[in-house]
Amino acid sequence: MPFNDDKQFISRLEVTLFVDRPASLYVFLSDAVDAPDWLKADFVDTGEKIGLDEGPSRWYPADTGQRKLSAGTGMSVDTIFSIWKRDILDRLQVVLGGVDRPTRLRGYNMYGIAAVPLD
């Protein structure tokens, strides 16, 4: 998982992944940002979504009551991410890039990464 602050402090971010065996590689991209060219070029939007319950942060302090943690499916989802997928069939080095800062939000999230073997 990249650090959440990577998105705003590194203008030309590159995350290099070494995939050693066949796998499905997933990127979870916040719907608050536009899909970058590097993602659209090599990944497919699955149409599936995943949510994040963030709770209070520097953008939404606890005393405002805007974000509270909750337990349970679909409870207190603060950010929605689209799930992008790329199947890797051979050993490969994959380079992921950065994202553009959205103009309509205060605070936003870096993408997440997951890999699942294709065994």
PDB file of N, CA and C in Angstrom:
ATOM      1  N   MET A   1       0.846  -1.175   0.000  1.00  0.00           N
ATOM      2  CA  MET A   1       0.000   0.000   0.000  1.00  0.00           C
ATOM      3  C   MET A   1       0.888   1.233   0.000  1.00  0.00           C
ATOM      4  N   PRO A   2       0.706   2.115  -0.956  1.00  0.00           N
ATOM      5  CA  PRO A   2       1.467   3.369  -0.928  1.00  0.00           C
ATOM      6  C   PRO A   2       0.995   4.238   0.245  1.00  0.00           C
ATOM      7  N   PHE A   3       1.881   5.085   0.723  1.00  0.00           N
ATOM      8  CA  PHE A   3       1.480   6.024   1.765  1.00  0.00           C
ATOM      9  C   PHE A   3       0.414   6.962   1.210  1.00  0.00           C
ATOM     10  N   ASN A   4      -0.551   7.327   2.030  1.00  0.00           N
ATOM     11  CA  ASN A   4      -1.635   8.186   1.562  1.00  0.00           C
ATOM     12  C   ASN A   4      -1.113   9.550   1.112  1.00  0.00           C
ATOM     13  N   ASP A   5      -0.055  10.049   1.734  1.00  0.00           N
ATOM     14  CA  ASP A   5       0.485  11.356   1.350  1.00  0.00           C
ATOM     15  C   ASP A   5       1.293  11.312   0.057  1.00  0.00           C
ATOM     16  N   ASP A   6       1.598  10.125  -0.471  1.00  0.00           N
ATOM     17  CA  ASP A   6       2.333  10.040  -1.730  1.00  0.00           C
ATOM     18  C   ASP A   6       1.633  10.810  -2.838  1.00  0.00           C
ATOM     19  N   LYS A   7       0.336  10.837  -2.808  1.00  0.00           N
ATOM     20  CA  LYS A   7      -0.420  11.447  -3.891  1.00  0.00           C
ATOM     21  C   LYS A   7      -0.200  12.944  -3.994  1.00  0.00           C
ATOM     22  N   GLN A   8       0.149  13.590  -2.909  1.00  0.00           N
ATOM     23  CA  GLN A   8       0.258  15.049  -2.973  1.00  0.00           C
ATOM     24  C   GLN A   8       1.670  15.578  -2.833  1.00  0.00           C
ATOM     25  N   PHE A   9       2.599  14.775  -2.381  1.00  0.00           N
ATOM     26  CA  PHE A   9       3.947  15.283  -2.165  1.00  0.00           C
ATOM     27  C   PHE A   9       4.942  14.813  -3.227  1.00  0.00           C
ATOM     28  N   ILE A  10       4.577  13.860  -4.039  1.00  0.00           N
ATOM     29  CA  ILE A  10       5.463  13.368  -5.092  1.00  0.00           C
ATOM     30  C   ILE A  10       4.754  13.585  -6.419  1.00  0.00           C
ATOM     31  N   SER A  11       5.189  14.596  -7.162  1.00  0.00           N
ATOM     32  CA  SER A  11       4.461  14.970  -8.376  1.00  0.00           C
ATOM     33  C   SER A  11       4.575  13.929  -9.485  1.00  0.00           C
ATOM     34  N   ARG A  12       5.672  13.220  -9.562  1.00  0.00           N
ATOM     35  CA  ARG A  12       5.849  12.208 -10.608  1.00  0.00           C
ATOM     36  C   ARG A  12       6.055  10.844  -9.961  1.00  0.00           C
ATOM     37  N   LEU A  13       5.116  10.459  -9.143  1.00  0.00           N
ATOM     38  CA  LEU A  13       5.182   9.204  -8.411  1.00  0.00           C
ATOM     39  C   LEU A  13       5.294   8.006  -9.350  1.00  0.00           C
ATOM     40  N   GLU A  14       6.171   7.070  -8.995  1.00  0.00           N
ATOM     41  CA  GLU A  14       6.237   5.782  -9.668  1.00  0.00           C
ATOM     42  C   GLU A  14       6.319   4.709  -8.600  1.00  0.00           C
ATOM     43  N   VAL A  15       5.402   3.761  -8.651  1.00  0.00           N
ATOM     44  CA  VAL A  15       5.402   2.608  -7.758  1.00  0.00           C
ATOM     45  C   VAL A  15       5.749   1.415  -8.627  1.00  0.00           C
ATOM     46  N   THR A  16       6.890   0.777  -8.341  1.00  0.00           N
ATOM     47  CA  THR A  16       7.333  -0.361  -9.136  1.00  0.00           C
ATOM     48  C   THR A  16       7.014  -1.653  -8.404  1.00  0.00           C
ATOM     49  N   LEU A  17       6.290  -2.535  -9.087  1.00  0.00           N
ATOM     50  CA  LEU A  17       5.928  -3.833  -8.537  1.00  0.00           C
ATOM     51  C   LEU A  17       6.628  -4.920  -9.342  1.00  0.00           C
ATOM     52  N   PHE A  18       7.120  -5.930  -8.658  1.00  0.00           N
ATOM     53  CA  PHE A  18       7.728  -7.070  -9.323  1.00  0.00           C
ATOM     54  C   PHE A  18       6.790  -8.260  -9.148  1.00  0.00           C
ATOM     55  N   VAL A  19       6.167  -8.675 -10.234  1.00  0.00           N
ATOM     56  CA  VAL A  19       5.231  -9.796 -10.195  1.00  0.00           C
ATOM     57  C   VAL A  19       6.011 -11.030 -10.635  1.00  0.00           C
ATOM     58  N   ASP A  20       6.167 -12.004  -9.733  1.00  0.00           N
ATOM     59  CA  ASP A  20       7.035 -13.146  -9.955  1.00  0.00           C
ATOM     60  C   ASP A  20       6.325 -14.361 -10.556  1.00  0.00           C
ATOM     61  N   ARG A  21       5.000 -14.363 -10.511  1.00  0.00           N
ATOM     62  CA  ARG A  21       4.240 -15.499 -11.058  1.00  0.00           C
ATOM     63  C   ARG A  21       2.913 -14.969 -11.586  1.00  0.00           C
ATOM     64  N   PRO A  22       2.204 -15.760 -12.370  1.00  0.00           N
ATOM     65  CA  PRO A  22       0.925 -15.298 -12.917  1.00  0.00           C
ATOM     66  C   PRO A  22      -0.023 -14.817 -11.810  1.00  0.00           C
ATOM     67  N   ALA A  23      -0.602 -13.651 -12.035  1.00  0.00           N
ATOM     68  CA  ALA A  23      -1.474 -13.057 -11.011  1.00  0.00           C
ATOM     69  C   ALA A  23      -2.423 -12.049 -11.639  1.00  0.00           C
ATOM     70  N   SER A  24      -3.520 -11.811 -10.948  1.00  0.00           N
ATOM     71  CA  SER A  24      -4.384 -10.671 -11.262  1.00  0.00           C
ATOM     72  C   SER A  24      -3.937  -9.538 -10.361  1.00  0.00           C
ATOM     73  N   LEU A  25      -3.620  -8.419 -10.971  1.00  0.00           N
ATOM     74  CA  LEU A  25      -3.176  -7.236 -10.235  1.00  0.00           C
ATOM     75  C   LEU A  25      -4.336  -6.247 -10.209  1.00  0.00           C
ATOM     76  N   TYR A  26      -4.656  -5.759  -9.027  1.00  0.00           N
ATOM     77  CA  TYR A  26      -5.780  -4.842  -8.852  1.00  0.00           C
ATOM     78  C   TYR A  26      -5.301  -3.494  -8.347  1.00  0.00           C
ATOM     79  N   VAL A  27      -5.918  -2.436  -8.847  1.00  0.00           N
ATOM     80  CA  VAL A  27      -5.712  -1.081  -8.338  1.00  0.00           C
ATOM     81  C   VAL A  27      -7.079  -0.563  -7.931  1.00  0.00           C
ATOM     82  N   PHE A  28      -7.165  -0.058  -6.693  1.00  0.00           N
ATOM     83  CA  PHE A  28      -8.406   0.518  -6.172  1.00  0.00           C
ATOM     84  C   PHE A  28      -8.265   2.033  -6.255  1.00  0.00           C
ATOM     85  N   LEU A  29      -8.952   2.656  -7.206  1.00  0.00           N
ATOM     86  CA  LEU A  29      -8.825   4.089  -7.459  1.00  0.00           C
ATOM     87  C   LEU A  29     -10.045   4.836  -6.951  1.00  0.00           C
ATOM     88  N   SER A  30      -9.806   5.851  -6.134  1.00  0.00           N
ATOM     89  CA  SER A  30     -10.897   6.667  -5.601  1.00  0.00           C
ATOM     90  C   SER A  30     -11.711   7.270  -6.734  1.00  0.00           C
ATOM     91  N   ASP A  31     -13.022   7.203  -6.611  1.00  0.00           N
ATOM     92  CA  ASP A  31     -13.903   7.813  -7.609  1.00  0.00           C
ATOM     93  C   ASP A  31     -13.828   9.337  -7.581  1.00  0.00           C
ATOM     94  N   ALA A  32     -13.119   9.897  -6.592  1.00  0.00           N
ATOM     95  CA  ALA A  32     -12.973  11.353  -6.505  1.00  0.00           C
ATOM     96  C   ALA A  32     -11.936  11.881  -7.491  1.00  0.00           C
ATOM     97  N   VAL A  33     -11.112  10.994  -8.055  1.00  0.00           N
ATOM     98  CA  VAL A  33     -10.085  11.432  -9.000  1.00  0.00           C
ATOM     99  C   VAL A  33     -10.350  10.798 -10.364  1.00  0.00           C
ATOM    100  N   ASP A  34      -9.875  11.454 -11.407  1.00  0.00           N
ATOM    101  CA  ASP A  34     -10.003  10.913 -12.759  1.00  0.00           C
ATOM    102  C   ASP A  34      -8.986   9.790 -12.944  1.00  0.00           C
ATOM    103  N   ALA A  35      -9.366   8.776 -13.688  1.00  0.00           N
ATOM    104  CA  ALA A  35      -8.448   7.672 -13.966  1.00  0.00           C
ATOM    105  C   ALA A  35      -7.271   8.196 -14.791  1.00  0.00           C
ATOM    106  N   PRO A  36      -6.047   7.984 -14.300  1.00  0.00           N
ATOM    107  CA  PRO A  36      -4.874   8.459 -15.043  1.00  0.00           C
ATOM    108  C   PRO A  36      -4.625   7.615 -16.294  1.00  0.00           C
ATOM    109  N   ASP A  37      -3.883   8.171 -17.232  1.00  0.00           N
ATOM    110  CA  ASP A  37      -3.608   7.487 -18.498  1.00  0.00           C
ATOM    111  C   ASP A  37      -2.912   6.146 -18.286  1.00  0.00           C
ATOM    112  N   TRP A  38      -1.971   6.082 -17.334  1.00  0.00           N
ATOM    113  CA  TRP A  38      -1.234   4.826 -17.111  1.00  0.00           C
ATOM    114  C   TRP A  38      -2.186   3.710 -16.682  1.00  0.00           C
ATOM    115  N   LEU A  39      -3.227   4.053 -15.942  1.00  0.00           N
ATOM    116  CA  LEU A  39      -4.191   3.050 -15.487  1.00  0.00           C
ATOM    117  C   LEU A  39      -5.083   2.602 -16.639  1.00  0.00           C
ATOM    118  N   LYS A  40      -5.600   3.557 -17.394  1.00  0.00           N
ATOM    119  CA  LYS A  40      -6.488   3.236 -18.526  1.00  0.00           C
ATOM    120  C   LYS A  40      -5.765   2.462 -19.617  1.00  0.00           C
ATOM    121  N   ALA A  41      -4.458   2.642 -19.747  1.00  0.00           N
ATOM    122  CA  ALA A  41      -3.695   1.979 -20.803  1.00  0.00           C
ATOM    123  C   ALA A  41      -3.510   0.487 -20.548  1.00  0.00           C
ATOM    124  N   ASP A  42      -3.320   0.092 -19.286  1.00  0.00           N
ATOM    125  CA  ASP A  42      -2.949  -1.293 -18.996  1.00  0.00           C
ATOM    126  C   ASP A  42      -3.948  -2.068 -18.138  1.00  0.00           C
ATOM    127  N   PHE A  43      -4.931  -1.389 -17.586  1.00  0.00           N
ATOM    128  CA  PHE A  43      -5.899  -2.031 -16.695  1.00  0.00           C
ATOM    129  C   PHE A  43      -7.302  -1.868 -17.251  1.00  0.00           C
ATOM    130  N   VAL A  44      -8.218  -2.706 -16.775  1.00  0.00           N
ATOM    131  CA  VAL A  44      -9.626  -2.642 -17.166  1.00  0.00           C
ATOM    132  C   VAL A  44     -10.458  -2.337 -15.923  1.00  0.00           C
ATOM    133  N   ASP A  45     -11.360  -1.379 -16.048  1.00  0.00           N
ATOM    134  CA  ASP A  45     -12.289  -1.088 -14.952  1.00  0.00           C
ATOM    135  C   ASP A  45     -13.273  -2.248 -14.859  1.00  0.00           C
ATOM    136  N   THR A  46     -13.284  -2.945 -13.727  1.00  0.00           N
ATOM    137  CA  THR A  46     -14.142  -4.125 -13.572  1.00  0.00           C
ATOM    138  C   THR A  46     -15.611  -3.774 -13.399  1.00  0.00           C
ATOM    139  N   GLY A  47     -15.897  -2.515 -13.094  1.00  0.00           N
ATOM    140  CA  GLY A  47     -17.271  -2.120 -12.799  1.00  0.00           C
ATOM    141  C   GLY A  47     -17.648  -2.373 -11.352  1.00  0.00           C
ATOM    142  N   GLU A  48     -16.762  -3.007 -10.614  1.00  0.00           N
ATOM    143  CA  GLU A  48     -16.989  -3.283  -9.186  1.00  0.00           C
ATOM    144  C   GLU A  48     -16.457  -2.125  -8.353  1.00  0.00           C
ATOM    145  N   LYS A  49     -16.998  -1.985  -7.145  1.00  0.00           N
ATOM    146  CA  LYS A  49     -16.613  -0.901  -6.230  1.00  0.00           C
ATOM    147  C   LYS A  49     -16.225  -1.486  -4.877  1.00  0.00           C
ATOM    148  N   ILE A  50     -15.428  -0.725  -4.153  1.00  0.00           N
ATOM    149  CA  ILE A  50     -15.066  -1.067  -2.779  1.00  0.00           C
ATOM    150  C   ILE A  50     -15.116   0.227  -1.975  1.00  0.00           C
ATOM    151  N   GLY A  51     -15.544   0.132  -0.719  1.00  0.00           N
ATOM    152  CA  GLY A  51     -15.696   1.325   0.106  1.00  0.00           C
ATOM    153  C   GLY A  51     -14.689   1.386   1.230  1.00  0.00           C
ATOM    154  N   LEU A  52     -14.440   2.591   1.726  1.00  0.00           N
ATOM    155  CA  LEU A  52     -13.520   2.826   2.833  1.00  0.00           C
ATOM    156  C   LEU A  52     -14.223   3.650   3.900  1.00  0.00           C
ATOM    157  N   ASP A  53     -14.221   3.140   5.121  1.00  0.00           N
ATOM    158  CA  ASP A  53     -14.734   3.861   6.286  1.00  0.00           C
ATOM    159  C   ASP A  53     -13.542   4.566   6.915  1.00  0.00           C
ATOM    160  N   GLU A  54     -13.438   5.867   6.713  1.00  0.00           N
ATOM    161  CA  GLU A  54     -12.242   6.604   7.103  1.00  0.00           C
ATOM    162  C   GLU A  54     -12.237   7.078   8.542  1.00  0.00           C
ATOM    163  N   GLY A  55     -13.345   7.514   9.039  1.00  0.00           N
ATOM    164  CA  GLY A  55     -13.355   8.104  10.368  1.00  0.00           C
ATOM    165  C   GLY A  55     -12.763   9.505  10.345  1.00  0.00           C
ATOM    166  N   PRO A  56     -12.591  10.106  11.518  1.00  0.00           N
ATOM    167  CA  PRO A  56     -12.059  11.467  11.596  1.00  0.00           C
ATOM    168  C   PRO A  56     -10.634  11.560  11.039  1.00  0.00           C
ATOM    169  N   SER A  57     -10.288  12.734  10.516  1.00  0.00           N
ATOM    170  CA  SER A  57      -8.941  12.989   9.978  1.00  0.00           C
ATOM    171  C   SER A  57      -8.656  14.477  10.106  1.00  0.00           C
ATOM    172  N   ARG A  58      -7.509  14.883   9.594  1.00  0.00           N
ATOM    173  CA  ARG A  58      -7.207  16.325   9.643  1.00  0.00           C
ATOM    174  C   ARG A  58      -8.166  17.114   8.762  1.00  0.00           C
ATOM    175  N   TRP A  59      -8.746  16.444   7.753  1.00  0.00           N
ATOM    176  CA  TRP A  59      -9.702  17.104   6.858  1.00  0.00           C
ATOM    177  C   TRP A  59     -11.098  17.144   7.463  1.00  0.00           C
ATOM    178  N   TYR A  60     -11.405  16.158   8.305  1.00  0.00           N
ATOM    179  CA  TYR A  60     -12.718  16.052   8.940  1.00  0.00           C
ATOM    180  C   TYR A  60     -12.514  15.725  10.420  1.00  0.00           C
ATOM    181  N   PRO A  61     -12.195  16.724  11.238  1.00  0.00           N
ATOM    182  CA  PRO A  61     -11.921  16.489  12.667  1.00  0.00           C
ATOM    183  C   PRO A  61     -13.105  15.849  13.395  1.00  0.00           C
ATOM    184  N   ALA A  62     -12.775  15.112  14.448  1.00  0.00           N
ATOM    185  CA  ALA A  62     -13.797  14.387  15.219  1.00  0.00           C
ATOM    186  C   ALA A  62     -14.864  15.321  15.771  1.00  0.00           C
ATOM    187  N   ASP A  63     -14.485  16.528  16.149  1.00  0.00           N
ATOM    188  CA  ASP A  63     -15.456  17.438  16.758  1.00  0.00           C
ATOM    189  C   ASP A  63     -16.515  17.940  15.777  1.00  0.00           C
ATOM    190  N   THR A  64     -16.322  17.707  14.476  1.00  0.00           N
ATOM    191  CA  THR A  64     -17.348  18.123  13.510  1.00  0.00           C
ATOM    192  C   THR A  64     -18.442  17.072  13.370  1.00  0.00           C
ATOM    193  N   GLY A  65     -18.124  15.825  13.770  1.00  0.00           N
ATOM    194  CA  GLY A  65     -19.104  14.750  13.673  1.00  0.00           C
ATOM    195  C   GLY A  65     -19.406  14.312  12.252  1.00  0.00           C
ATOM    196  N   GLN A  66     -18.609  14.782  11.279  1.00  0.00           N
ATOM    197  CA  GLN A  66     -18.877  14.445   9.883  1.00  0.00           C
ATOM    198  C   GLN A  66     -18.508  13.010   9.533  1.00  0.00           C
ATOM    199  N   ARG A  67     -17.510  12.464  10.209  1.00  0.00           N
ATOM    200  CA  ARG A  67     -17.074  11.099   9.886  1.00  0.00           C
ATOM    201  C   ARG A  67     -16.898  10.303  11.162  1.00  0.00           C
ATOM    202  N   LYS A  68     -17.666   9.242  11.260  1.00  0.00           N
ATOM    203  CA  LYS A  68     -17.580   8.346  12.405  1.00  0.00           C
ATOM    204  C   LYS A  68     -17.380   6.932  11.898  1.00  0.00           C
ATOM    205  N   LEU A  69     -16.593   6.152  12.621  1.00  0.00           N
ATOM    206  CA  LEU A  69     -16.393   4.755  12.244  1.00  0.00           C
ATOM    207  C   LEU A  69     -17.624   3.948  12.617  1.00  0.00           C
ATOM    208  N   SER A  70     -17.939   2.965  11.795  1.00  0.00           N
ATOM    209  CA  SER A  70     -19.071   2.077  12.053  1.00  0.00           C
ATOM    210  C   SER A  70     -18.675   0.651  11.719  1.00  0.00           C
ATOM    211  N   ALA A  71     -19.400  -0.296  12.257  1.00  0.00           N
ATOM    212  CA  ALA A  71     -19.160  -1.707  11.964  1.00  0.00           C
ATOM    213  C   ALA A  71     -20.297  -2.236  11.107  1.00  0.00           C
ATOM    214  N   GLY A  72     -19.962  -3.109  10.167  1.00  0.00           N
ATOM    215  CA  GLY A  72     -20.991  -3.738   9.348  1.00  0.00           C
ATOM    216  C   GLY A  72     -20.882  -3.378   7.884  1.00  0.00           C
ATOM    217  N   THR A  73     -21.354  -4.259   7.054  1.00  0.00           N
ATOM    218  CA  THR A  73     -21.298  -4.096   5.612  1.00  0.00           C
ATOM    219  C   THR A  73     -22.015  -2.828   5.165  1.00  0.00           C
ATOM    220  N   GLY A  74     -21.302  -1.993   4.415  1.00  0.00           N
ATOM    221  CA  GLY A  74     -21.894  -0.786   3.853  1.00  0.00           C
ATOM    222  C   GLY A  74     -22.147   0.340   4.836  1.00  0.00           C
ATOM    223  N   MET A  75     -21.734   0.168   6.083  1.00  0.00           N
ATOM    224  CA  MET A  75     -21.970   1.202   7.099  1.00  0.00           C
ATOM    225  C   MET A  75     -20.862   2.248   7.051  1.00  0.00           C
ATOM    226  N   SER A  76     -21.234   3.501   7.047  1.00  0.00           N
ATOM    227  CA  SER A  76     -20.303   4.615   7.170  1.00  0.00           C
ATOM    228  C   SER A  76     -19.205   4.601   6.104  1.00  0.00           C
ATOM    229  N   VAL A  77     -19.561   4.335   4.869  1.00  0.00           N
ATOM    230  CA  VAL A  77     -18.580   4.359   3.784  1.00  0.00           C
ATOM    231  C   VAL A  77     -18.360   5.810   3.383  1.00  0.00           C
ATOM    232  N   ASP A  78     -17.108   6.257   3.520  1.00  0.00           N
ATOM    233  CA  ASP A  78     -16.776   7.652   3.233  1.00  0.00           C
ATOM    234  C   ASP A  78     -16.197   7.851   1.834  1.00  0.00           C
ATOM    235  N   THR A  79     -15.494   6.859   1.318  1.00  0.00           N
ATOM    236  CA  THR A  79     -14.893   6.976  -0.001  1.00  0.00           C
ATOM    237  C   THR A  79     -15.171   5.696  -0.790  1.00  0.00           C
ATOM    238  N   ILE A  80     -15.550   5.871  -2.047  1.00  0.00           N
ATOM    239  CA  ILE A  80     -15.802   4.754  -2.952  1.00  0.00           C
ATOM    240  C   ILE A  80     -14.630   4.658  -3.938  1.00  0.00           C
ATOM    241  N   PHE A  81     -14.164   3.442  -4.145  1.00  0.00           N
ATOM    242  CA  PHE A  81     -13.072   3.182  -5.078  1.00  0.00           C
ATOM    243  C   PHE A  81     -13.565   2.266  -6.189  1.00  0.00           C
ATOM    244  N   SER A  82     -13.162   2.556  -7.411  1.00  0.00           N
ATOM    245  CA  SER A  82     -13.394   1.647  -8.531  1.00  0.00           C
ATOM    246  C   SER A  82     -12.261   0.623  -8.545  1.00  0.00           C
ATOM    247  N   ILE A  83     -12.603  -0.613  -8.908  1.00  0.00           N
ATOM    248  CA  ILE A  83     -11.618  -1.686  -8.933  1.00  0.00           C
ATOM    249  C   ILE A  83     -11.172  -1.910 -10.375  1.00  0.00           C
ATOM    250  N   TRP A  84      -9.879  -1.701 -10.617  1.00  0.00           N
ATOM    251  CA  TRP A  84      -9.271  -1.896 -11.925  1.00  0.00           C
ATOM    252  C   TRP A  84      -8.427  -3.169 -11.878  1.00  0.00           C
ATOM    253  N   LYS A  85      -8.377  -3.900 -12.993  1.00  0.00           N
ATOM    254  CA  LYS A  85      -7.705  -5.205 -13.005  1.00  0.00           C
ATOM    255  C   LYS A  85      -6.791  -5.361 -14.220  1.00  0.00           C
ATOM    256  N   ARG A  86      -5.688  -6.058 -13.975  1.00  0.00           N
ATOM    257  CA  ARG A  86      -4.775  -6.443 -15.062  1.00  0.00           C
ATOM    258  C   ARG A  86      -4.268  -7.844 -14.757  1.00  0.00           C
ATOM    259  N   ASP A  87      -4.415  -8.757 -15.714  1.00  0.00           N
ATOM    260  CA  ASP A  87      -3.868 -10.104 -15.544  1.00  0.00           C
ATOM    261  C   ASP A  87      -2.427 -10.122 -16.032  1.00  0.00           C
ATOM    262  N   ILE A  88      -1.549 -10.630 -15.191  1.00  0.00           N
ATOM    263  CA  ILE A  88      -0.130 -10.760 -15.502  1.00  0.00           C
ATOM    264  C   ILE A  88       0.132 -12.254 -15.687  1.00  0.00           C
ATOM    265  N   LEU A  89       0.579 -12.664 -16.865  1.00  0.00           N
ATOM    266  CA  LEU A  89       0.738 -14.088 -17.157  1.00  0.00           C
ATOM    267  C   LEU A  89       2.182 -14.583 -17.004  1.00  0.00           C
ATOM    268  N   ASP A  90       3.157 -13.685 -17.067  1.00  0.00           N
ATOM    269  CA  ASP A  90       4.568 -14.026 -16.916  1.00  0.00           C
ATOM    270  C   ASP A  90       5.215 -13.078 -15.916  1.00  0.00           C
ATOM    271  N   ARG A  91       6.417 -13.417 -15.479  1.00  0.00           N
ATOM    272  CA  ARG A  91       7.149 -12.511 -14.587  1.00  0.00           C
ATOM    273  C   ARG A  91       7.234 -11.144 -15.255  1.00  0.00           C
ATOM    274  N   LEU A  92       6.964 -10.116 -14.483  1.00  0.00           N
ATOM    275  CA  LEU A  92       6.898  -8.780 -15.079  1.00  0.00           C
ATOM    276  C   LEU A  92       7.134  -7.715 -14.018  1.00  0.00           C
ATOM    277  N   GLN A  93       7.788  -6.653 -14.441  1.00  0.00           N
ATOM    278  CA  GLN A  93       7.913  -5.461 -13.612  1.00  0.00           C
ATOM    279  C   GLN A  93       6.828  -4.493 -14.076  1.00  0.00           C
ATOM    280  N   VAL A  94       5.973  -4.067 -13.160  1.00  0.00           N
ATOM    281  CA  VAL A  94       4.867  -3.171 -13.480  1.00  0.00           C
ATOM    282  C   VAL A  94       5.111  -1.838 -12.777  1.00  0.00           C
ATOM    283  N   VAL A  95       5.000  -0.746 -13.527  1.00  0.00           N
ATOM    284  CA  VAL A  95       5.185   0.582 -12.950  1.00  0.00           C
ATOM    285  C   VAL A  95       3.841   1.301 -12.937  1.00  0.00           C
ATOM    286  N   LEU A  96       3.421   1.695 -11.743  1.00  0.00           N
ATOM    287  CA  LEU A  96       2.200   2.480 -11.569  1.00  0.00           C
ATOM    288  C   LEU A  96       2.607   3.929 -11.364  1.00  0.00           C
ATOM    289  N   GLY A  97       1.776   4.844 -11.800  1.00  0.00           N
ATOM    290  CA  GLY A  97       2.091   6.263 -11.689  1.00  0.00           C
ATOM    291  C   GLY A  97       1.288   6.962 -10.615  1.00  0.00           C
ATOM    292  N   GLY A  98       1.253   8.276 -10.701  1.00  0.00           N
ATOM    293  CA  GLY A  98       0.531   9.097  -9.743  1.00  0.00           C
ATOM    294  C   GLY A  98      -0.884   9.404 -10.207  1.00  0.00           C
ATOM    295  N   VAL A  99      -1.564  10.202  -9.414  1.00  0.00           N
ATOM    296  CA  VAL A  99      -2.921  10.644  -9.738  1.00  0.00           C
ATOM    297  C   VAL A  99      -2.971  12.161  -9.649  1.00  0.00           C
ATOM    298  N   ASP A 100      -3.882  12.761 -10.400  1.00  0.00           N
ATOM    299  CA  ASP A 100      -4.064  14.212 -10.331  1.00  0.00           C
ATOM    300  C   ASP A 100      -4.962  14.566  -9.163  1.00  0.00           C
ATOM    301  N   ARG A 101      -4.652  15.655  -8.504  1.00  0.00           N
ATOM    302  CA  ARG A 101      -5.435  16.126  -7.373  1.00  0.00           C
ATOM    303  C   ARG A 101      -6.804  16.614  -7.855  1.00  0.00           C
ATOM    304  N   PRO A 102      -7.874  16.142  -7.210  1.00  0.00           N
ATOM    305  CA  PRO A 102      -9.200  16.626  -7.619  1.00  0.00           C
ATOM    306  C   PRO A 102      -9.396  18.073  -7.173  1.00  0.00           C
ATOM    307  N   THR A 103     -10.150  18.825  -7.948  1.00  0.00           N
ATOM    308  CA  THR A 103     -10.383  20.228  -7.601  1.00  0.00           C
ATOM    309  C   THR A 103     -11.620  20.396  -6.727  1.00  0.00           C
ATOM    310  N   ARG A 104     -12.449  19.364  -6.641  1.00  0.00           N
ATOM    311  CA  ARG A 104     -13.732  19.505  -5.948  1.00  0.00           C
ATOM    312  C   ARG A 104     -13.731  19.003  -4.507  1.00  0.00           C
ATOM    313  N   LEU A 105     -12.591  18.543  -3.994  1.00  0.00           N
ATOM    314  CA  LEU A 105     -12.570  17.960  -2.654  1.00  0.00           C
ATOM    315  C   LEU A 105     -11.457  18.511  -1.792  1.00  0.00           C
ATOM    316  N   ARG A 106     -11.706  18.493  -0.490  1.00  0.00           N
ATOM    317  CA  ARG A 106     -10.628  18.658   0.485  1.00  0.00           C
ATOM    318  C   ARG A 106     -10.287  17.246   0.942  1.00  0.00           C
ATOM    319  N   GLY A 107      -9.047  16.878   0.850  1.00  0.00           N
ATOM    320  CA  GLY A 107      -8.661  15.543   1.281  1.00  0.00           C
ATOM    321  C   GLY A 107      -9.160  14.489   0.316  1.00  0.00           C
ATOM    322  N   TYR A 108      -8.307  13.609  -0.060  1.00  0.00           N
ATOM    323  CA  TYR A 108      -8.667  12.487  -0.935  1.00  0.00           C
ATOM    324  C   TYR A 108      -7.661  11.384  -0.683  1.00  0.00           C
ATOM    325  N   ASN A 109      -7.908  10.214  -1.222  1.00  0.00           N
ATOM    326  CA  ASN A 109      -7.099   9.047  -0.897  1.00  0.00           C
ATOM    327  C   ASN A 109      -6.235   8.577  -2.056  1.00  0.00           C
ATOM    328  N   MET A 110      -5.081   8.019  -1.691  1.00  0.00           N
ATOM    329  CA  MET A 110      -4.196   7.369  -2.642  1.00  0.00           C
ATOM    330  C   MET A 110      -4.844   6.052  -3.047  1.00  0.00           C
ATOM    331  N   TYR A 111      -4.426   5.499  -4.168  1.00  0.00           N
ATOM    332  CA  TYR A 111      -4.977   4.219  -4.600  1.00  0.00           C
ATOM    333  C   TYR A 111      -4.405   3.077  -3.762  1.00  0.00           C
ATOM    334  N   GLY A 112      -5.130   1.971  -3.779  1.00  0.00           N
ATOM    335  CA  GLY A 112      -4.666   0.756  -3.134  1.00  0.00           C
ATOM    336  C   GLY A 112      -4.263  -0.256  -4.195  1.00  0.00           C
ATOM    337  N   ILE A 113      -3.470  -1.243  -3.794  1.00  0.00           N
ATOM    338  CA  ILE A 113      -2.961  -2.255  -4.709  1.00  0.00           C
ATOM    339  C   ILE A 113      -3.143  -3.625  -4.084  1.00  0.00           C
ATOM    340  N   ALA A 114      -3.549  -4.605  -4.896  1.00  0.00           N
ATOM    341  CA  ALA A 114      -3.641  -5.995  -4.421  1.00  0.00           C
ATOM    342  C   ALA A 114      -3.270  -6.915  -5.584  1.00  0.00           C
ATOM    343  N   ALA A 115      -2.725  -8.084  -5.247  1.00  0.00           N
ATOM    344  CA  ALA A 115      -2.398  -9.095  -6.242  1.00  0.00           C
ATOM    345  C   ALA A 115      -2.934 -10.439  -5.761  1.00  0.00           C
ATOM    346  N   VAL A 116      -3.509 -11.192  -6.704  1.00  0.00           N
ATOM    347  CA  VAL A 116      -4.059 -12.511  -6.386  1.00  0.00           C
ATOM    348  C   VAL A 116      -3.462 -13.504  -7.383  1.00  0.00           C
ATOM    349  N   PRO A 117      -2.832 -14.596  -6.907  1.00  0.00           N
ATOM    350  CA  PRO A 117      -2.229 -15.567  -7.822  1.00  0.00           C
ATOM    351  C   PRO A 117      -3.260 -16.178  -8.770  1.00  0.00           C
ATOM    352  N   LEU A 118      -2.835 -16.474  -9.974  1.00  0.00           N
ATOM    353  CA  LEU A 118      -3.694 -17.127 -10.969  1.00  0.00           C
ATOM    354  C   LEU A 118      -3.433 -18.624 -11.011  1.00  0.00           C
ATOM    355  N   ASP A 119      -3.326 -19.276  -9.889  1.00  0.00           N
ATOM    356  CA  ASP A 119      -3.038 -20.717  -9.836  1.00  0.00           C
ATOM    357  C   ASP A 119      -4.273 -21.544 -10.036  1.00  0.00           C
TER     358      ASP A 119
END
